[in-house]
N, C-alpha and C. Protein backbone atom coordinates (compact mmCIF):
# COMPACT_ATOMS: atom_id res chain seq x y z
N MET A 1 -23.54 -70.37 49.90
CA MET A 1 -22.28 -69.98 49.28
C MET A 1 -22.90 -68.82 49.53
N SER A 2 -21.90 -67.96 50.04
CA SER A 2 -21.74 -66.45 50.19
C SER A 2 -22.57 -65.57 49.06
N VAL A 3 -22.46 -64.40 49.33
CA VAL A 3 -23.71 -63.45 48.45
C VAL A 3 -21.53 -62.93 47.59
N THR A 4 -20.89 -63.03 48.61
CA THR A 4 -19.24 -62.25 47.47
C THR A 4 -18.56 -63.78 46.98
N GLU A 5 -19.19 -64.55 46.85
CA GLU A 5 -19.02 -66.03 46.33
C GLU A 5 -19.73 -66.19 45.20
N ILE A 6 -21.08 -65.22 45.16
CA ILE A 6 -21.92 -65.77 44.11
C ILE A 6 -21.73 -64.63 43.03
N ARG A 7 -21.35 -63.46 43.89
CA ARG A 7 -21.02 -62.29 42.71
C ARG A 7 -19.78 -62.71 41.68
N GLN A 8 -18.55 -63.65 42.33
CA GLN A 8 -17.36 -63.96 42.01
C GLN A 8 -17.51 -64.45 40.60
N LYS A 9 -18.73 -65.90 40.72
CA LYS A 9 -19.05 -66.46 39.63
C LYS A 9 -19.84 -65.61 38.66
N LEU A 10 -20.84 -64.69 38.60
CA LEU A 10 -21.41 -64.09 37.95
C LEU A 10 -20.36 -63.45 37.03
N HIS A 11 -19.67 -62.01 37.58
CA HIS A 11 -18.86 -62.14 37.00
C HIS A 11 -18.13 -62.80 36.02
N ASN A 12 -16.83 -63.87 36.80
CA ASN A 12 -16.18 -64.78 35.88
C ASN A 12 -17.30 -65.15 34.98
N PHE A 13 -18.63 -66.11 34.90
CA PHE A 13 -19.41 -66.27 33.86
C PHE A 13 -19.86 -65.45 32.81
N LEU A 14 -19.95 -64.03 33.21
CA LEU A 14 -20.01 -62.88 32.21
C LEU A 14 -19.31 -62.53 31.43
N GLU A 15 -17.99 -62.81 31.88
CA GLU A 15 -16.71 -62.62 31.01
C GLU A 15 -16.24 -63.77 29.55
N LEU A 16 -17.14 -65.14 30.18
CA LEU A 16 -16.93 -65.95 29.40
C LEU A 16 -18.04 -66.07 28.36
N ALA A 17 -18.85 -65.53 29.02
CA ALA A 17 -20.56 -66.15 28.31
C ALA A 17 -20.41 -65.65 26.82
N GLU A 18 -21.33 -66.31 25.89
CA GLU A 18 -21.55 -65.72 25.07
C GLU A 18 -21.64 -64.80 24.79
N ASP A 19 -21.89 -64.31 23.64
CA ASP A 19 -22.68 -62.47 23.31
C ASP A 19 -24.12 -62.60 23.42
N LYS A 20 -24.78 -63.75 23.31
CA LYS A 20 -26.34 -63.76 23.07
C LYS A 20 -26.34 -64.02 24.77
N LYS A 21 -26.06 -64.57 25.59
CA LYS A 21 -26.38 -65.13 27.20
C LYS A 21 -25.94 -63.48 27.35
N VAL A 22 -25.14 -62.59 27.44
CA VAL A 22 -24.53 -61.50 28.05
C VAL A 22 -25.82 -60.20 27.74
N ARG A 23 -26.48 -60.31 26.44
CA ARG A 23 -27.73 -59.55 25.61
C ARG A 23 -28.88 -60.30 26.56
N ALA A 24 -29.08 -61.03 26.80
CA ALA A 24 -30.49 -61.67 27.35
C ALA A 24 -30.40 -61.48 28.76
N ILE A 25 -29.28 -61.64 29.64
CA ILE A 25 -28.83 -60.94 30.66
C ILE A 25 -29.48 -59.81 31.15
N TYR A 26 -28.97 -59.07 30.35
CA TYR A 26 -28.85 -57.47 30.09
C TYR A 26 -30.47 -57.07 30.30
N ILE A 27 -31.24 -57.59 28.78
CA ILE A 27 -32.45 -57.33 28.47
C ILE A 27 -33.23 -57.66 29.78
N MET A 28 -32.94 -58.70 30.52
CA MET A 28 -34.15 -58.85 31.79
C MET A 28 -33.69 -58.08 33.23
N MET A 29 -32.39 -57.36 33.18
CA MET A 29 -31.81 -56.46 34.23
C MET A 29 -31.74 -55.30 33.83
N GLU A 30 -32.30 -54.40 32.77
CA GLU A 30 -31.22 -53.74 31.97
C GLU A 30 -32.18 -52.66 32.71
N ASP A 31 -33.09 -52.41 33.50
CA ASP A 31 -33.88 -50.99 34.11
C ASP A 31 -32.77 -50.72 35.65
N GLU A 32 -32.95 -52.06 36.19
CA GLU A 32 -32.28 -52.16 37.48
C GLU A 32 -30.58 -51.15 37.20
N VAL A 33 -30.05 -52.26 35.85
CA VAL A 33 -28.94 -51.46 35.68
C VAL A 33 -28.89 -50.22 35.13
N GLU A 34 -29.72 -49.70 34.48
CA GLU A 34 -29.64 -48.10 34.21
C GLU A 34 -29.99 -47.34 35.25
N GLU A 35 -30.59 -47.91 36.28
CA GLU A 35 -31.07 -46.83 37.48
C GLU A 35 -30.05 -46.85 38.35
N SER A 36 -29.01 -48.01 38.16
CA SER A 36 -27.47 -47.59 39.26
C SER A 36 -26.56 -47.06 38.02
N CYS A 37 -26.72 -46.91 37.41
CA CYS A 37 -25.66 -46.75 36.61
C CYS A 37 -25.61 -44.47 36.68
N PHE A 38 -24.49 -44.30 36.90
CA PHE A 38 -24.52 -42.52 36.84
C PHE A 38 -23.38 -42.22 36.43
N GLU A 39 -23.21 -40.76 36.40
CA GLU A 39 -22.38 -40.28 35.29
C GLU A 39 -22.21 -38.78 36.22
N TYR A 40 -20.82 -38.55 36.68
CA TYR A 40 -20.69 -37.30 37.54
C TYR A 40 -20.73 -36.14 36.19
N SER A 41 -21.11 -35.17 36.41
CA SER A 41 -20.87 -33.96 35.84
C SER A 41 -19.65 -33.56 35.45
N ASP A 42 -19.22 -32.64 34.71
CA ASP A 42 -17.73 -32.36 33.97
C ASP A 42 -17.31 -30.85 35.53
N GLU A 43 -18.25 -30.49 35.57
CA GLU A 43 -18.01 -29.58 36.84
C GLU A 43 -17.80 -29.86 38.35
N PHE A 44 -18.22 -31.42 38.39
CA PHE A 44 -18.19 -32.26 39.70
C PHE A 44 -17.07 -32.71 39.59
N LYS A 45 -16.56 -33.01 38.60
CA LYS A 45 -15.24 -33.97 38.29
C LYS A 45 -13.99 -32.69 38.41
N GLN A 46 -13.95 -31.55 38.28
CA GLN A 46 -13.47 -30.36 38.50
C GLN A 46 -13.55 -30.13 39.73
N GLU A 47 -14.56 -30.17 40.79
CA GLU A 47 -14.70 -30.09 41.62
C GLU A 47 -13.66 -30.76 42.52
N LEU A 48 -13.53 -31.96 42.65
CA LEU A 48 -13.19 -33.09 42.82
C LEU A 48 -11.73 -33.05 42.83
N ASP A 49 -11.22 -33.17 41.29
CA ASP A 49 -10.09 -32.59 41.12
C ASP A 49 -8.95 -31.27 41.67
N ARG A 50 -9.86 -30.09 42.32
CA ARG A 50 -9.41 -28.99 42.86
C ARG A 50 -9.50 -29.68 43.90
N ARG A 51 -10.53 -30.42 44.64
CA ARG A 51 -10.04 -30.62 46.68
C ARG A 51 -8.99 -31.22 46.17
N THR A 52 -8.93 -32.45 45.50
CA THR A 52 -7.70 -33.32 45.40
C THR A 52 -6.17 -32.66 45.67
N GLU A 53 -6.03 -31.53 44.55
CA GLU A 53 -4.57 -30.71 44.59
C GLU A 53 -4.81 -30.12 45.78
N GLU A 54 -5.71 -29.69 46.68
CA GLU A 54 -5.76 -29.33 47.65
C GLU A 54 -4.83 -29.62 48.73
N TYR A 55 -5.72 -31.13 48.97
CA TYR A 55 -5.16 -31.95 49.89
C TYR A 55 -3.68 -32.50 49.66
N LYS A 56 -3.46 -32.79 48.20
CA LYS A 56 -1.90 -33.21 48.18
C LYS A 56 -0.78 -31.94 48.36
N ASN A 57 -1.26 -30.28 47.70
CA ASN A 57 -0.19 -29.68 47.89
C ASN A 57 -0.38 -29.13 49.48
N GLY A 58 -1.28 -29.47 50.30
CA GLY A 58 -1.18 -29.27 51.95
C GLY A 58 -1.87 -27.88 51.79
N THR A 59 -2.87 -27.19 51.26
CA THR A 59 -3.47 -25.96 51.36
C THR A 59 -5.06 -26.28 52.00
N GLU A 60 -4.68 -28.00 52.02
CA GLU A 60 -6.36 -28.30 52.97
C GLU A 60 -6.26 -29.60 53.57
N LYS A 61 -7.11 -29.86 54.44
CA LYS A 61 -6.26 -30.71 55.57
C LYS A 61 -7.86 -31.90 55.81
N LEU A 62 -7.76 -32.94 55.56
CA LEU A 62 -8.71 -34.15 56.14
C LEU A 62 -9.33 -33.82 57.16
N ILE A 63 -10.61 -34.88 58.13
CA ILE A 63 -11.31 -34.56 59.23
C ILE A 63 -11.19 -35.86 59.25
N SER A 64 -11.01 -37.13 60.36
CA SER A 64 -10.89 -38.51 60.04
C SER A 64 -12.92 -38.24 60.22
N ALA A 65 -13.27 -39.87 60.20
CA ALA A 65 -14.78 -39.96 59.98
C ALA A 65 -15.18 -39.49 61.43
N THR A 66 -14.61 -40.14 62.93
CA THR A 66 -15.07 -40.26 63.75
C THR A 66 -14.90 -38.45 64.47
N GLU A 67 -14.02 -37.53 63.93
CA GLU A 67 -14.28 -35.90 63.94
C GLU A 67 -15.31 -35.31 63.25
N SER A 68 -15.56 -36.26 62.50
CA SER A 68 -16.72 -35.64 61.11
C SER A 68 -17.82 -36.24 61.90
N LYS A 69 -18.25 -36.93 62.76
CA LYS A 69 -19.75 -37.58 63.04
C LYS A 69 -19.78 -36.52 64.61
N ASN A 70 -18.36 -36.36 65.43
CA ASN A 70 -18.76 -35.95 66.39
C ASN A 70 -19.00 -34.13 66.24
N ARG A 71 -18.56 -33.29 64.83
CA ARG A 71 -18.58 -31.94 64.38
C ARG A 71 -20.71 -31.99 64.54
N ILE A 72 -20.85 -33.20 63.44
CA ILE A 72 -22.19 -33.44 63.04
C ILE A 72 -23.57 -33.05 64.25
N GLU A 73 -22.56 -34.54 64.74
CA GLU A 73 -23.67 -34.14 66.38
C GLU A 73 -23.46 -33.11 67.05
N LYS A 74 -22.80 -32.57 67.60
CA LYS A 74 -22.53 -31.19 68.34
C LYS A 74 -23.46 -30.11 67.25
N LEU A 75 -23.29 -29.98 65.90
CA LEU A 75 -24.27 -29.43 65.26
C LEU A 75 -25.65 -29.20 65.44
N LEU A 76 -26.25 -31.06 65.72
CA LEU A 76 -27.93 -31.56 65.75
C LEU A 76 -28.21 -30.97 67.48
N LYS A 77 -27.21 -31.02 68.45
CA LYS A 77 -27.81 -30.99 69.43
C LYS A 77 -27.75 -29.57 69.60
N SER A 78 -27.00 -28.64 68.95
CA SER A 78 -27.35 -27.45 69.51
C SER A 78 -28.30 -26.54 68.45
N ARG A 79 -28.47 -27.23 67.21
CA ARG A 79 -29.79 -27.09 66.61
C ARG A 79 -31.55 -27.32 67.89
N ARG A 80 -30.69 -28.18 68.26
CA ARG A 80 -32.28 -28.74 68.76
C ARG A 80 -32.70 -28.06 70.10
N LYS A 81 -31.62 -27.01 70.69
CA LYS A 81 -32.02 -26.50 71.83
C LYS A 81 -32.70 -24.70 71.03
N ILE A 82 -32.61 -25.15 69.78
CA ILE A 82 -33.20 -23.76 69.58
C ILE A 82 -34.72 -23.89 69.15
């Protein structure tokens, strides 16, 4: 069984499981669950909203992942020469 199938089965189980079982599973995994959860600050959310608006209204452009990678590689090469 693939990991994707296991995830789906666990998801389905948790959706229908008794509250007692869900709580028991959570208690066993609580530390890992809490470590993987994080909340973006309001300031960060506002910055994302601002950037999204700039993209939507055409005042800001995006570059492809390939172009980004090329730019980073160029910067790294130029710093190695220093």
